[in-house]
C-alpha cells in the first residue's frame, strides 16, 4: 500500500478545496445568496434615493433599512473579506483556519433581509 503524504499536490488541492468550501459554508450560514442580493439591492435603493434628494428617513424606509444598517452592511462586507483572507492564508501557510467571529449585529441584519 502506498504511503500517504500530506504535502503531495493532490493532498494540497483537496485541503484547499475543503477550506474554501468551509469558508463558503460559514459565510452562507450568516447570509445566503438571496440575502446577499437583497442587502446589495437595499444599498442601491438607499443610495439612489439619497442622490435624488430623498430625506434620510424616507430613503431608509424605501430601502427597507433601519438606522445603523449602513454600519452593519460595512461590518458584513469586512467580515466576509476577512473570512476569504483567512481561507487564503490557511491554504498558503498550511495551517488550520482561524475564522473571525461574526460582528455584533451582522447576523440579525442579514436575517431581516
C-alpha atoms as a PDB file:
ATOM      1  CA  UNK A   1       0.000   0.000   0.000  1.00  0.00           C
ATOM      2  CA  UNK A   2       1.479   3.417  -0.933  1.00  0.00           C
ATOM      3  CA  UNK A   3       2.436   5.764   1.849  1.00  0.00           C
ATOM      4  CA  UNK A   4       0.055   8.696   2.366  1.00  0.00           C
ATOM      5  CA  UNK A   5       1.809  12.052   2.068  1.00  0.00           C
ATOM      6  CA  UNK A   6       0.184  15.247   3.261  1.00  0.00           C
ATOM      7  CA  UNK A   7       2.262  17.503   1.039  1.00  0.00           C
ATOM      8  CA  UNK A   8       1.501  15.938  -2.308  1.00  0.00           C
ATOM      9  CA  UNK A   9      -0.051  18.306  -4.845  1.00  0.00           C
ATOM     10  CA  UNK A  10      -3.239  16.225  -4.771  1.00  0.00           C
ATOM     11  CA  UNK A  11      -3.477  16.363  -0.962  1.00  0.00           C
ATOM     12  CA  UNK A  12      -2.852  20.118  -1.024  1.00  0.00           C
ATOM     13  CA  UNK A  13      -5.557  20.623  -3.658  1.00  0.00           C
ATOM     14  CA  UNK A  14      -8.047  18.559  -1.651  1.00  0.00           C
ATOM     15  CA  UNK A  15      -7.201  20.511   1.507  1.00  0.00           C
ATOM     16  CA  UNK A  16      -7.533  23.859  -0.296  1.00  0.00           C
ATOM     17  CA  UNK A  17     -10.900  22.849  -1.736  1.00  0.00           C
ATOM     18  CA  UNK A  18     -12.135  21.825   1.723  1.00  0.00           C
ATOM     19  CA  UNK A  19     -11.023  25.093   3.328  1.00  0.00           C
ATOM     20  CA  UNK A  20     -12.707  27.093   0.555  1.00  0.00           C
ATOM     21  CA  UNK A  21     -15.886  25.041   0.965  1.00  0.00           C
ATOM     22  CA  UNK A  22     -15.834  25.565   4.740  1.00  0.00           C
ATOM     23  CA  UNK A  23     -15.381  29.317   4.253  1.00  0.00           C
ATOM     24  CA  UNK A  24     -18.278  29.460   1.811  1.00  0.00           C
ATOM     25  CA  UNK A  25     -20.499  27.395   4.118  1.00  0.00           C
ATOM     26  CA  UNK A  26     -19.768  29.660   7.079  1.00  0.00           C
ATOM     27  CA  UNK A  27     -20.455  32.818   5.073  1.00  0.00           C
ATOM     28  CA  UNK A  28     -23.672  31.399   3.635  1.00  0.00           C
ATOM     29  CA  UNK A  29     -24.794  30.324   7.118  1.00  0.00           C
ATOM     30  CA  UNK A  30     -24.941  34.019   8.011  1.00  0.00           C
ATOM     31  CA  UNK A  31     -26.319  35.301   4.699  1.00  0.00           C
ATOM     32  CA  UNK A  32     -27.352  33.046   1.839  1.00  0.00           C
ATOM     33  CA  UNK A  33     -27.041  34.283  -1.742  1.00  0.00           C
ATOM     34  CA  UNK A  34     -30.588  35.654  -1.821  1.00  0.00           C
ATOM     35  CA  UNK A  35     -29.951  37.588   1.387  1.00  0.00           C
ATOM     36  CA  UNK A  36     -26.706  38.977  -0.003  1.00  0.00           C
ATOM     37  CA  UNK A  37     -28.552  40.088  -3.124  1.00  0.00           C
ATOM     38  CA  UNK A  38     -31.256  41.728  -1.007  1.00  0.00           C
ATOM     39  CA  UNK A  39     -28.636  43.583   1.048  1.00  0.00           C
ATOM     40  CA  UNK A  40     -26.942  44.856  -2.112  1.00  0.00           C
ATOM     41  CA  UNK A  41     -30.286  45.944  -3.570  1.00  0.00           C
ATOM     42  CA  UNK A  42     -31.173  47.782  -0.361  1.00  0.00           C
ATOM     43  CA  UNK A  43     -27.884  49.678  -0.562  1.00  0.00           C
ATOM     44  CA  UNK A  44     -28.564  50.638  -4.165  1.00  0.00           C
ATOM     45  CA  UNK A  45     -32.095  51.797  -3.355  1.00  0.00           C
ATOM     46  CA  UNK A  46     -30.898  53.843  -0.378  1.00  0.00           C
ATOM     47  CA  UNK A  47     -28.075  55.459  -2.352  1.00  0.00           C
ATOM     48  CA  UNK A  48     -30.290  56.250  -5.325  1.00  0.00           C
ATOM     49  CA  UNK A  49     -32.965  57.767  -3.112  1.00  0.00           C
ATOM     50  CA  UNK A  50     -30.494  59.998  -1.262  1.00  0.00           C
ATOM     51  CA  UNK A  51     -28.777  61.055  -4.505  1.00  0.00           C
ATOM     52  CA  UNK A  52     -32.192  62.047  -5.817  1.00  0.00           C
ATOM     53  CA  UNK A  53     -32.832  64.202  -2.765  1.00  0.00           C
ATOM     54  CA  UNK A  54     -34.916  61.959  -0.509  1.00  0.00           C
ATOM     55  CA  UNK A  55     -34.721  62.636   3.201  1.00  0.00           C
ATOM     56  CA  UNK A  56     -32.618  60.065   5.067  1.00  0.00           C
ATOM     57  CA  UNK A  57     -35.614  58.592   6.896  1.00  0.00           C
ATOM     58  CA  UNK A  58     -37.507  58.238   3.619  1.00  0.00           C
ATOM     59  CA  UNK A  59     -34.526  56.640   1.875  1.00  0.00           C
ATOM     60  CA  UNK A  60     -34.089  54.160   4.734  1.00  0.00           C
ATOM     61  CA  UNK A  61     -37.776  53.256   4.611  1.00  0.00           C
ATOM     62  CA  UNK A  62     -37.732  52.861   0.823  1.00  0.00           C
ATOM     63  CA  UNK A  63     -34.757  50.505   1.059  1.00  0.00           C
ATOM     64  CA  UNK A  64     -36.167  48.521   3.984  1.00  0.00           C
ATOM     65  CA  UNK A  65     -33.330  49.647   6.202  1.00  0.00           C
ATOM     66  CA  UNK A  66     -33.197  50.994   9.729  1.00  0.00           C
ATOM     67  CA  UNK A  67     -30.767  53.375  11.370  1.00  0.00           C
ATOM     68  CA  UNK A  68     -27.395  51.653  11.802  1.00  0.00           C
ATOM     69  CA  UNK A  69     -27.838  49.249   8.887  1.00  0.00           C
ATOM     70  CA  UNK A  70     -25.205  51.008   6.799  1.00  0.00           C
ATOM     71  CA  UNK A  71     -22.650  50.329   9.527  1.00  0.00           C
ATOM     72  CA  UNK A  72     -23.851  46.723   9.764  1.00  0.00           C
ATOM     73  CA  UNK A  73     -23.505  46.358   5.978  1.00  0.00           C
ATOM     74  CA  UNK A  74     -19.927  47.651   6.181  1.00  0.00           C
ATOM     75  CA  UNK A  75     -19.220  45.203   9.035  1.00  0.00           C
ATOM     76  CA  UNK A  76     -20.757  42.379   6.968  1.00  0.00           C
ATOM     77  CA  UNK A  77     -18.532  43.189   3.993  1.00  0.00           C
ATOM     78  CA  UNK A  78     -15.413  43.481   6.156  1.00  0.00           C
ATOM     79  CA  UNK A  79     -16.190  40.151   7.851  1.00  0.00           C
ATOM     80  CA  UNK A  80     -16.804  38.379   4.529  1.00  0.00           C
ATOM     81  CA  UNK A  81     -13.498  39.712   3.182  1.00  0.00           C
ATOM     82  CA  UNK A  82     -11.719  38.679   6.404  1.00  0.00           C
ATOM     83  CA  UNK A  83     -13.157  35.167   6.040  1.00  0.00           C
ATOM     84  CA  UNK A  84     -11.864  34.947   2.478  1.00  0.00           C
ATOM     85  CA  UNK A  85      -8.458  36.304   3.513  1.00  0.00           C
ATOM     86  CA  UNK A  86      -8.236  33.732   6.320  1.00  0.00           C
ATOM     87  CA  UNK A  87      -9.112  30.988   3.858  1.00  0.00           C
ATOM     88  CA  UNK A  88      -6.292  32.080   1.544  1.00  0.00           C
ATOM     89  CA  UNK A  89      -3.857  32.433   4.451  1.00  0.00           C
ATOM     90  CA  UNK A  90      -4.612  28.975   5.836  1.00  0.00           C
ATOM     91  CA  UNK A  91      -4.212  27.398   2.404  1.00  0.00           C
ATOM     92  CA  UNK A  92      -0.928  29.198   1.759  1.00  0.00           C
ATOM     93  CA  UNK A  93       0.568  28.612   5.215  1.00  0.00           C
ATOM     94  CA  UNK A  94      -0.709  25.060   5.642  1.00  0.00           C
ATOM     95  CA  UNK A  95      -2.307  25.958   8.975  1.00  0.00           C
ATOM     96  CA  UNK A  96      -5.814  25.354  10.228  1.00  0.00           C
ATOM     97  CA  UNK A  97      -8.030  28.364   9.545  1.00  0.00           C
ATOM     98  CA  UNK A  98      -8.930  30.596  12.478  1.00  0.00           C
ATOM     99  CA  UNK A  99     -12.242  32.029  11.337  1.00  0.00           C
ATOM    100  CA  UNK A 100     -13.090  35.552  12.511  1.00  0.00           C
ATOM    101  CA  UNK A 101     -16.190  35.997  14.642  1.00  0.00           C
ATOM    102  CA  UNK A 102     -19.309  37.416  13.036  1.00  0.00           C
ATOM    103  CA  UNK A 103     -19.510  41.083  14.093  1.00  0.00           C
ATOM    104  CA  UNK A 104     -22.237  42.103  16.500  1.00  0.00           C
ATOM    105  CA  UNK A 105     -25.481  42.861  14.711  1.00  0.00           C
ATOM    106  CA  UNK A 106     -24.495  41.333  11.373  1.00  0.00           C
ATOM    107  CA  UNK A 107     -26.469  38.086  11.741  1.00  0.00           C
ATOM    108  CA  UNK A 108     -29.578  39.988  12.837  1.00  0.00           C
ATOM    109  CA  UNK A 109     -29.135  42.425   9.942  1.00  0.00           C
ATOM    110  CA  UNK A 110     -28.860  39.546   7.478  1.00  0.00           C
ATOM    111  CA  UNK A 111     -31.903  37.819   8.983  1.00  0.00           C
ATOM    112  CA  UNK A 112     -34.020  40.892   8.186  1.00  0.00           C
ATOM    113  CA  UNK A 113     -33.076  40.685   4.514  1.00  0.00           C
END
